[in-house]
Protein backbone atom coordinates (compact mmCIF):
# COMPACT_ATOMS: atom_id res chain seq x y z
CA MET A 1 0.06 0.02 0.09
CA ARG A 2 1.36 3.46 -0.84
CA ASN A 3 1.96 5.63 1.95
CA ARG A 4 0.27 8.66 2.72
CA ARG A 5 1.24 11.47 4.46
CA ILE A 6 -0.23 13.61 7.31
CA ALA A 7 0.69 16.67 8.92
CA ALA A 8 0.38 16.67 12.53
CA TYR A 9 -0.07 19.64 14.38
CA LEU A 10 0.93 20.37 18.17
CA VAL A 11 -0.07 23.69 19.55
CA LEU A 12 1.90 24.98 22.22
CA PHE A 13 -0.18 26.85 24.94
CA LEU A 14 2.19 27.09 27.75
CA PHE A 15 3.34 29.86 30.15
CA TRP A 16 7.32 29.87 30.30
CA SER A 17 9.58 32.57 29.10
CA THR A 18 11.68 30.53 26.45
CA GLN A 19 10.12 27.42 24.26
CA THR A 20 12.66 25.18 22.56
CA PHE A 21 10.33 23.24 20.45
CA GLY A 22 11.50 22.68 16.48
CA THR A 23 14.03 25.32 15.13
CA ILE A 24 11.86 28.59 15.66
CA VAL A 25 12.05 29.56 19.12
CA VAL A 26 10.16 32.09 21.12
CA LEU A 27 12.13 34.14 23.41
CA ASN A 28 10.05 36.36 25.37
CA GLY A 29 7.00 34.47 26.38
CA LEU A 30 3.39 32.94 24.89
CA THR A 31 1.31 35.84 26.67
CA HIS A 32 1.66 39.32 26.08
CA GLN A 33 -0.62 41.77 28.40
CA HIS A 34 -1.00 45.33 27.69
CA THR A 35 -3.52 48.02 29.21
CA GLY A 36 -5.43 50.54 26.86
CA SER A 37 -7.96 52.80 26.48
CA ASP A 38 -10.43 53.98 23.74
CA GLY A 39 -8.33 55.13 20.97
CA SER A 40 -5.18 54.01 22.05
CA ILE A 41 -2.56 52.58 20.03
CA ILE A 42 -0.61 49.56 21.68
CA THR A 43 2.64 48.26 20.21
CA GLY A 44 4.36 44.85 20.98
CA LYS A 45 7.16 42.56 20.10
CA ILE A 46 7.36 38.50 19.67
CA LYS A 47 10.98 37.79 19.95
CA LEU A 48 11.74 34.92 17.54
CA LYS A 49 15.19 32.97 16.79
CA ASN A 50 16.23 30.35 14.68
CA ASP A 51 18.12 28.03 16.94
CA GLY A 52 19.16 25.62 14.39
CA VAL A 53 21.70 25.80 11.48
CA LYS A 54 19.78 25.93 8.45
CA LEU A 55 17.56 28.34 6.86
CA GLU A 56 13.98 28.04 8.32
CA LYS A 57 10.83 30.13 7.21
CA PHE A 58 7.56 30.80 9.56
CA VAL A 59 4.42 32.18 8.97
CA ALA A 60 2.58 34.30 11.42
CA TYR A 61 -1.51 34.29 11.24
CA LYS A 62 -4.33 35.43 13.60
CA GLN A 63 -6.95 33.07 15.35
CA ASP A 64 -9.36 33.53 17.65
CA MET A 65 -9.40 31.51 21.21
CA LEU A 66 -13.29 30.60 21.66
CA PHE A 67 -14.22 29.20 25.20
CA SER A 68 -17.25 27.13 26.28
CA CYS A 69 -17.95 26.23 29.62
CA GLY A 70 -17.39 22.33 29.94
CA LYS A 71 -15.17 22.26 26.98
CA ASN A 72 -11.42 22.78 25.98
CA GLU A 73 -10.47 26.42 24.41
CA VAL A 74 -10.94 25.99 20.58
CA PHE A 75 -8.82 28.04 18.02
CA SER A 76 -10.53 29.31 14.96
CA SER A 77 -9.98 31.29 12.01
CA THR A 78 -13.68 31.68 11.02
CA GLU A 79 -15.33 32.03 14.14
CA THR A 80 -15.37 34.91 16.27
CA HIS A 81 -16.29 36.33 19.83
CA ASP A 82 -17.45 39.86 20.95
CA ARG A 83 -14.10 40.15 22.79
CA SER A 84 -11.89 39.63 19.75
CA LEU A 85 -8.91 41.54 19.10
CA LYS A 86 -8.75 40.11 15.59
CA ASN A 87 -9.48 43.29 13.66
CA TRP A 88 -7.54 45.91 15.57
CA LEU A 89 -4.53 43.89 15.55
CA LYS A 90 -1.94 43.74 12.51
CA THR A 91 1.67 42.27 12.54
CA SER A 92 4.62 43.79 10.73
CA ILE A 93 4.85 40.70 8.27
CA ASP A 94 3.04 37.22 7.94
CA GLU A 95 6.09 35.14 6.85
CA LYS A 96 9.71 35.59 7.06
CA ASN A 97 12.93 33.30 6.39
CA LEU A 98 15.40 33.17 9.03
CA VAL A 99 19.11 31.80 8.89
CA GLY A 100 20.77 29.50 11.60
CA GLY A 101 20.92 31.43 14.72
CA GLU A 102 19.07 34.62 13.60
CA GLU A 103 17.01 36.39 15.60
CA TYR A 104 14.02 38.45 14.64
CA ASP A 105 11.37 40.71 16.35
CA LEU A 106 7.88 40.68 15.02
CA SER A 107 5.85 43.39 15.71
CA TYR A 108 2.64 44.08 16.18
CA THR A 109 0.08 47.28 16.43
CA ILE A 110 -3.35 47.29 18.26
CA ASN A 111 -5.41 50.01 17.37
CA VAL A 112 -8.34 50.42 19.52
CA PRO A 113 -11.66 51.94 18.30
CA ARG A 114 -12.17 55.54 19.58
CA GLN A 115 -15.25 54.04 21.57
CA VAL A 116 -15.62 50.85 23.03
CA ASP A 117 -18.83 49.98 24.49
CA LYS A 118 -17.85 46.91 26.52
CA LYS A 119 -14.71 47.76 28.97
CA GLY A 120 -12.46 44.74 30.41
CA THR A 121 -10.20 42.28 28.55
CA TYR A 122 -9.92 41.59 24.94
CA TRP A 123 -7.76 38.91 23.35
CA VAL A 124 -6.44 37.05 20.12
CA VAL A 125 -3.88 34.84 19.09
CA ILE A 126 -1.05 34.91 16.86
CA MET A 127 0.15 31.47 15.44
CA ILE A 128 3.70 31.33 14.65
CA GLU A 129 4.19 28.34 12.43
CA PRO A 130 7.45 26.96 11.35
CA GLY A 131 7.16 26.34 7.32
CA ASP A 132 8.90 22.66 7.41
CA PRO A 133 8.05 19.68 9.45
CA VAL A 134 10.19 19.07 12.58
CA SER A 135 10.18 15.70 12.70
CA THR A 136 8.40 12.76 10.51
CA SER A 137 7.65 9.07 11.37
CA GLU A 138 5.90 6.09 10.20
CA LYS A 139 3.02 4.35 11.58
CA ASN A 140 0.83 1.84 10.18
CA GLY A 141 1.64 2.77 6.64
CA LEU A 142 1.38 6.34 7.39
CA ASN A 143 4.25 8.86 7.06
CA ILE A 144 3.37 11.50 9.77
CA ALA A 145 4.99 14.74 9.52
CA SER A 146 4.77 16.73 12.98
CA LYS A 147 4.64 20.28 13.19
CA VAL A 148 4.94 22.89 15.85
CA ARG A 149 2.67 25.87 16.38
CA TYR A 150 2.86 28.45 18.84
CA ALA A 151 -0.02 29.96 20.27
CA ILE A 152 0.65 33.38 21.35
CA GLN A 153 -2.02 35.07 23.58
CA ILE A 154 -2.03 38.79 23.25
CA LEU A 155 -4.28 40.22 25.89
CA VAL A 156 -5.44 44.00 26.30
CA ASP A 157 -7.27 45.31 29.67
CA LEU A 158 -9.10 48.42 29.01
CA GLY A 159 -11.00 50.64 31.35
CA SER A 160 -9.88 50.38 35.37
CA PHE A 161 -9.38 46.82 36.61
CA GLU A 162 -12.08 45.37 38.72
CA ALA A 163 -11.60 41.91 40.41
CA PRO A 164 -14.21 39.46 39.29
CA LYS A 165 -16.45 37.14 41.16
CA MET A 166 -15.39 33.47 40.72
CA THR A 167 -18.26 30.82 41.02
CA PHE A 168 -17.55 26.72 40.93
CA GLU A 169 -19.72 25.65 38.04
CA ASP A 170 -18.96 22.33 38.53
CA ILE A 171 -16.99 20.00 40.82
CA ASN A 172 -16.43 16.07 39.67
CA LEU A 173 -14.58 13.45 41.81
CA LYS A 174 -13.49 10.23 39.51
CA LYS A 175 -12.02 7.22 40.78
CA THR A 176 -8.71 6.63 38.61
CA GLN A 177 -7.14 3.94 40.67
CA ILE A 178 -7.91 2.02 43.85
CA SER A 179 -6.36 4.50 46.21
CA SER A 180 -6.58 7.86 43.90
CA ARG A 181 -9.22 10.04 42.92
CA LEU A 182 -9.24 12.79 40.15
CA VAL A 183 -10.77 16.13 41.36
CA GLU A 184 -12.05 18.08 38.26
CA VAL A 185 -13.00 21.61 39.16
CA GLN A 186 -15.17 23.95 36.27
CA LEU A 187 -14.13 27.68 37.41
CA LYS A 188 -16.22 30.40 36.05
CA ASN A 189 -15.40 34.33 35.74
CA GLU A 190 -18.32 36.21 36.13
CA GLY A 191 -16.37 39.34 35.50
CA GLN A 192 -14.73 41.76 32.81
CA PHE A 193 -11.46 40.80 33.61
CA VAL A 194 -9.11 38.11 32.58
CA VAL A 195 -7.64 36.56 36.11
CA ARG A 196 -4.56 34.29 36.58
CA THR A 197 -6.25 31.61 39.16
CA LYS A 198 -4.29 29.54 41.36
CA MET A 199 -6.46 26.42 42.79
CA GLN A 200 -5.63 24.56 45.99
CA LEU A 201 -7.28 21.46 47.78
CA GLU A 202 -6.83 21.26 51.41
CA ILE A 203 -7.49 17.67 52.98
CA TYR A 204 -8.60 17.10 56.61
CA ASP A 205 -8.88 13.61 58.28
CA ALA A 206 -11.79 12.73 60.67
CA LYS A 207 -9.98 14.57 63.67
CA GLY A 208 -10.11 17.75 61.67
CA GLN A 209 -6.45 18.07 60.94
CA LYS A 210 -5.04 19.15 57.87
CA ILE A 211 -3.13 16.14 56.12
CA LYS A 212 -2.47 17.45 52.55
CA THR A 213 -2.36 20.23 50.29
CA LEU A 214 -2.40 19.89 46.98
CA ASP A 215 -1.83 22.56 43.98
CA ALA A 216 -3.30 22.43 40.38
CA ASN A 217 -1.71 24.07 37.76
CA PRO A 218 -2.61 27.92 37.56
CA ARG A 219 -4.71 29.19 34.74
CA ARG A 220 -6.42 32.18 33.45
CA VAL A 221 -9.74 32.46 33.58
CA PHE A 222 -11.20 34.79 30.96
CA PRO A 223 -14.22 36.87 31.35
CA GLU A 224 -17.49 35.51 31.20
CA LYS A 225 -15.83 32.38 30.45
CA CYS A 226 -14.91 28.82 32.23
CA SER A 227 -11.62 27.13 32.91
CA ASN A 228 -11.00 23.49 34.19
CA PHE A 229 -8.29 22.71 36.91
CA GLU A 230 -7.84 19.02 37.69
CA ILE A 231 -5.78 17.32 40.92
CA GLU A 232 -4.69 14.25 41.46
CA VAL A 233 -4.98 13.14 44.99
CA SER A 234 -3.35 9.81 45.99
CA ASP A 235 -1.55 7.95 48.61
CA LEU A 236 -4.47 8.11 51.16
CA PRO A 237 -5.31 5.19 53.32
CA LYS A 238 -8.84 4.07 53.41
CA GLY A 239 -11.32 6.23 54.92
CA LYS A 240 -13.50 9.14 54.62
CA TYR A 241 -11.94 12.92 54.41
CA ASP A 242 -13.17 16.42 53.97
CA GLY A 243 -11.56 18.48 51.48
CA VAL A 244 -11.81 22.14 50.92
CA LEU A 245 -11.10 23.66 47.35
CA VAL A 246 -9.75 27.46 47.39
CA ALA A 247 -9.91 29.47 44.20
CA ASP A 248 -7.23 32.41 44.61
CA ASN A 249 -7.36 35.06 41.69
CA GLY A 250 -4.88 37.50 43.41
CA LYS A 251 -7.64 39.88 44.80
CA ASN A 252 -10.08 37.38 46.18
CA LEU A 253 -10.43 34.20 47.37
CA ILE A 254 -13.74 31.73 47.18
CA GLY A 255 -13.90 28.03 48.56
CA SER A 256 -15.90 25.16 48.38
CA ASN A 257 -16.21 21.94 50.26
CA LEU A 258 -16.24 18.22 49.21
CA THR A 259 -15.80 14.47 50.56
CA ILE A 260 -13.50 12.39 49.39
CA GLU A 261 -13.90 8.58 50.20
CA ILE A 262 -11.06 6.25 49.55
CA GLU A 263 -12.65 2.35 49.33
């Protein structure tokens, strides 16, 4: 059977300063947050580098990042939302070749309209995609070419920041192994500004003594949207435990109780 070629894409949506996947790397982080006002012009730069020795091409394009409570975020070139920066943002170029070791600042400009009805956070994603596959592998007669795309969030806060109200939309407890449980939390931002939120689970025994404190990976929760957090609970003896979930957005704390039973 003739081999078929399939391009597989891996979107990197991470939060550390330097990425080293593939040849084109991002040097100054995958989230760029700005403040502005009606009619302002905002500029920024994405620092890129060809970390290899060969000539490498990259392309840059915009996508909207869509959220829906209970589902993972989706990147789209066609669908949009009422807080999109897509029509306000322009990049200096759409594609460029970089020689080995070359660095380049991809500039972008955001032109905020003179009158914006809704204050709060607006956002868009700039995708940076290398021109050539990072690696190729064969599986079940298919020749699979893998690419890496960097999803770089551009955020703009318009107006005076107000700490949003956060609510627990859903909490699920799943059995993963005999002595392990997975706590799944869906947290909603009822406000107008994005906030980076930490999620923590405190576990207490039958005597009311705190025996564990577990943390989920921090996440940004976008205005009027939900984010999902997961906390793995393991290495507990059989018994029933009280848990307290605490969400901390840097301004406010909210909590919720749950019971964890290990059979």
